[in-house]
Every structure is written in C-alpha cells, then in structure tokens.
C-alpha atoms as a PDB file:
ATOM      1  CA  MET A   1      42.727 -46.504 -38.046  1.00  0.00           C
ATOM      2  CA  PHE A   2      41.108 -43.439 -39.630  1.00  0.00           C
ATOM      3  CA  LYS A   3      37.982 -43.982 -37.600  1.00  0.00           C
ATOM      4  CA  SER A   4      39.872 -43.215 -34.379  1.00  0.00           C
ATOM      5  CA  LEU A   5      41.584 -40.178 -35.985  1.00  0.00           C
ATOM      6  CA  GLY A   6      38.444 -38.095 -35.476  1.00  0.00           C
ATOM      7  CA  PHE A   7      38.347 -39.108 -31.828  1.00  0.00           C
ATOM      8  CA  TRP A   8      41.990 -38.100 -31.211  1.00  0.00           C
ATOM      9  CA  THR A   9      41.586 -34.850 -33.130  1.00  0.00           C
ATOM     10  CA  ARG A  10      38.522 -33.917 -31.063  1.00  0.00           C
ATOM     11  CA  THR A  11      40.283 -34.868 -27.827  1.00  0.00           C
ATOM     12  CA  ALA A  12      43.356 -32.805 -28.678  1.00  0.00           C
ATOM     13  CA  PHE A  13      41.197 -29.794 -29.618  1.00  0.00           C
ATOM     14  CA  LEU A  14      39.256 -30.010 -26.370  1.00  0.00           C
ATOM     15  CA  PHE A  15      42.464 -30.274 -24.401  1.00  0.00           C
ATOM     16  CA  LEU A  16      43.775 -27.112 -26.090  1.00  0.00           C
ATOM     17  CA  LEU A  17      40.531 -25.290 -25.267  1.00  0.00           C
ATOM     18  CA  ARG A  18      40.391 -26.413 -21.634  1.00  0.00           C
ATOM     19  CA  SER A  19      43.965 -25.824 -20.681  1.00  0.00           C
ATOM     20  CA  GLY A  20      44.760 -22.432 -22.203  1.00  0.00           C
ATOM     21  CA  ARG A  21      47.609 -21.583 -19.810  1.00  0.00           C
ATOM     22  CA  SER A  22      49.603 -24.756 -20.551  1.00  0.00           C
ATOM     23  CA  THR A  23      48.869 -24.348 -24.275  1.00  0.00           C
ATOM     24  CA  ALA A  24      50.287 -20.814 -24.147  1.00  0.00           C
ATOM     25  CA  VAL A  25      53.346 -21.945 -22.250  1.00  0.00           C
ATOM     26  CA  LEU A  26      54.008 -24.836 -24.564  1.00  0.00           C
ATOM     27  CA  SER A  27      53.525 -22.589 -27.619  1.00  0.00           C
ATOM     28  CA  LEU A  28      55.968 -20.042 -26.157  1.00  0.00           C
ATOM     29  CA  MET A  29      58.534 -22.816 -25.525  1.00  0.00           C
ATOM     30  CA  VAL A  30      58.268 -24.096 -29.096  1.00  0.00           C
ATOM     31  CA  VAL A  31      58.629 -20.579 -30.524  1.00  0.00           C
ATOM     32  CA  THR A  32      61.638 -19.925 -28.276  1.00  0.00           C
ATOM     33  CA  ALA A  33      63.305 -23.201 -29.260  1.00  0.00           C
ATOM     34  CA  VAL A  34      62.790 -22.614 -32.995  1.00  0.00           C
ATOM     35  CA  SER A  35      64.031 -19.024 -32.862  1.00  0.00           C
ATOM     36  CA  THR A  36      67.130 -20.149 -30.863  1.00  0.00           C
ATOM     37  CA  LEU A  37      67.902 -22.825 -33.432  1.00  0.00           C
ATOM     38  CA  ILE A  38      67.543 -20.353 -36.256  1.00  0.00           C
ATOM     39  CA  PHE A  39      69.836 -17.883 -34.484  1.00  0.00           C
ATOM     40  CA  LEU A  40      72.470 -20.534 -33.770  1.00  0.00           C
ATOM     41  CA  SER A  41      72.360 -21.776 -37.404  1.00  0.00           C
ATOM     42  CA  ALA A  42      72.862 -18.215 -38.651  1.00  0.00           C
ATOM     43  CA  LEU A  43      75.717 -17.699 -36.161  1.00  0.00           C
ATOM     44  CA  ALA A  44      77.434 -20.918 -37.381  1.00  0.00           C
ATOM     45  CA  VAL A  45      77.170 -19.822 -41.008  1.00  0.00           C
ATOM     46  CA  GLY A  46      78.576 -16.379 -40.108  1.00  0.00           C
ATOM     47  CA  ILE A  47      81.498 -17.876 -38.185  1.00  0.00           C
ATOM     48  CA  ASN A  48      82.234 -20.243 -41.090  1.00  0.00           C
ATOM     49  CA  ASP A  49      82.208 -17.363 -43.597  1.00  0.00           C
ATOM     50  CA  ALA A  50      84.484 -15.276 -41.352  1.00  0.00           C
ATOM     51  CA  MET A  51      86.919 -18.182 -41.025  1.00  0.00           C
ATOM     52  CA  VAL A  52      87.103 -18.642 -44.786  1.00  0.00           C
ATOM     53  CA  ARG A  53      87.482 -14.902 -45.417  1.00  0.00           C
ATOM     54  CA  ASN A  54      90.250 -14.595 -42.775  1.00  0.00           C
ATOM     55  CA  SER A  55      92.159 -17.645 -43.939  1.00  0.00           C
ATOM     56  CA  VAL A  56      92.033 -16.524 -47.527  1.00  0.00           C
ATOM     57  CA  SER A  57      93.312 -13.058 -46.607  1.00  0.00           C
ATOM     58  CA  LEU A  58      96.117 -14.420 -44.409  1.00  0.00           C
ATOM     59  CA  TYR A  59      97.377 -17.203 -46.652  1.00  0.00           C
ATOM     60  CA  SER A  60      97.557 -16.432 -50.327  1.00  0.00           C
ATOM     61  CA  GLY A  61      98.195 -20.057 -51.254  1.00  0.00           C
ATOM     62  CA  HIS A  62      99.898 -20.442 -54.647  1.00  0.00           C
ATOM     63  CA  ILE A  63      99.649 -16.740 -55.446  1.00  0.00           C
ATOM     64  CA  SER A  64     102.768 -14.816 -54.383  1.00  0.00           C
ATOM     65  CA  GLY A  65     105.081 -12.184 -55.798  1.00  0.00           C
ATOM     66  CA  PHE A  66     108.283 -13.888 -54.776  1.00  0.00           C
ATOM     67  CA  GLY A  67     110.552 -15.995 -56.966  1.00  0.00           C
ATOM     68  CA  LEU A  68     109.285 -14.611 -60.261  1.00  0.00           C
ATOM     69  CA  PRO A  69     111.494 -15.094 -63.309  1.00  0.00           C
ATOM     70  CA  VAL A  70     113.834 -12.199 -64.103  1.00  0.00           C
ATOM     71  CA  GLY A  71     112.723 -11.768 -67.717  1.00  0.00           C
ATOM     72  CA  LEU A  72     108.961 -11.677 -66.917  1.00  0.00           C
ATOM     73  CA  ASN A  73     107.229  -8.683 -68.544  1.00  0.00           C
ATOM     74  CA  ASN A  74     104.944  -6.548 -66.328  1.00  0.00           C
ATOM     75  CA  ARG A  75     102.325  -6.387 -69.031  1.00  0.00           C
ATOM     76  CA  LYS A  76     102.268 -10.110 -69.335  1.00  0.00           C
ATOM     77  CA  ILE A  77     101.094 -10.566 -65.721  1.00  0.00           C
ATOM     78  CA  GLY A  78      98.922  -7.466 -65.632  1.00  0.00           C
ATOM     79  CA  PHE A  79     101.049  -5.464 -63.243  1.00  0.00           C
ATOM     80  CA  ARG A  80     100.917  -1.649 -63.433  1.00  0.00           C
ATOM     81  CA  GLN A  81     103.210   0.501 -61.316  1.00  0.00           C
ATOM     82  CA  ASP A  82     100.747   3.404 -61.094  1.00  0.00           C
ATOM     83  CA  HIS A  83      98.405   1.267 -58.975  1.00  0.00           C
ATOM     84  CA  PHE A  84     101.059   0.903 -56.257  1.00  0.00           C
ATOM     85  CA  SER A  85     102.059   4.587 -56.326  1.00  0.00           C
ATOM     86  CA  GLN A  86      98.635   5.434 -54.854  1.00  0.00           C
ATOM     87  CA  LEU A  87      99.116   3.252 -51.745  1.00  0.00           C
ATOM     88  CA  PRO A  88      99.326   5.167 -48.463  1.00  0.00           C
ATOM     89  CA  TRP A  89     102.819   3.878 -47.677  1.00  0.00           C
ATOM     90  CA  GLY A  90     104.141   4.902 -51.107  1.00  0.00           C
ATOM     91  CA  ALA A  91     105.384   1.552 -52.356  1.00  0.00           C
END
C-alpha cells in the first residue's frame, strides 16, 4: 500500500503543476467555502447570544418586585431609595 503512495503523490503533484488554472479555481472555491462557513458559524453564535440577552431582559423569571411581604426591611434585600432618585423619570 505504501509503495503506491509515492506514485499517487507524484501524480497529484504533477497534476497541480500542469493545470495551474484549475488548481487556482479549486483553491479559491475551497477558501470561499471555508470563509463562508466561518462567517455563518459566527452569525449563528451572535444570533444565539442576542436571543438569550433579549429574553433575559424581557422576562425576569423568578425575580420581581411584586407581592413582597409588608414587613420586609429594605436593608435586608439591599434596596436603597437614592439609587432610584437618580433615574431620568424620577421614580
């Protein structure tokens, strides 16, 4: 098997030398395909990150400020009124 490996390597090298135009076109096609796949992979990761970020900002899940017990101390939950006085709508 390894005896014919030299023959096939030499044949492939000679083909690349003799047909430079088709070698260049095939190389360009491979580079274009790989760069397209890299771009699409990065786009998919970006879309996934944006979906997670948007869903987390829209739906707070278990965290909400409604239905808190009446006797709950502001210091116990880390709430400070001066943080909300600086909001643009003056809450």
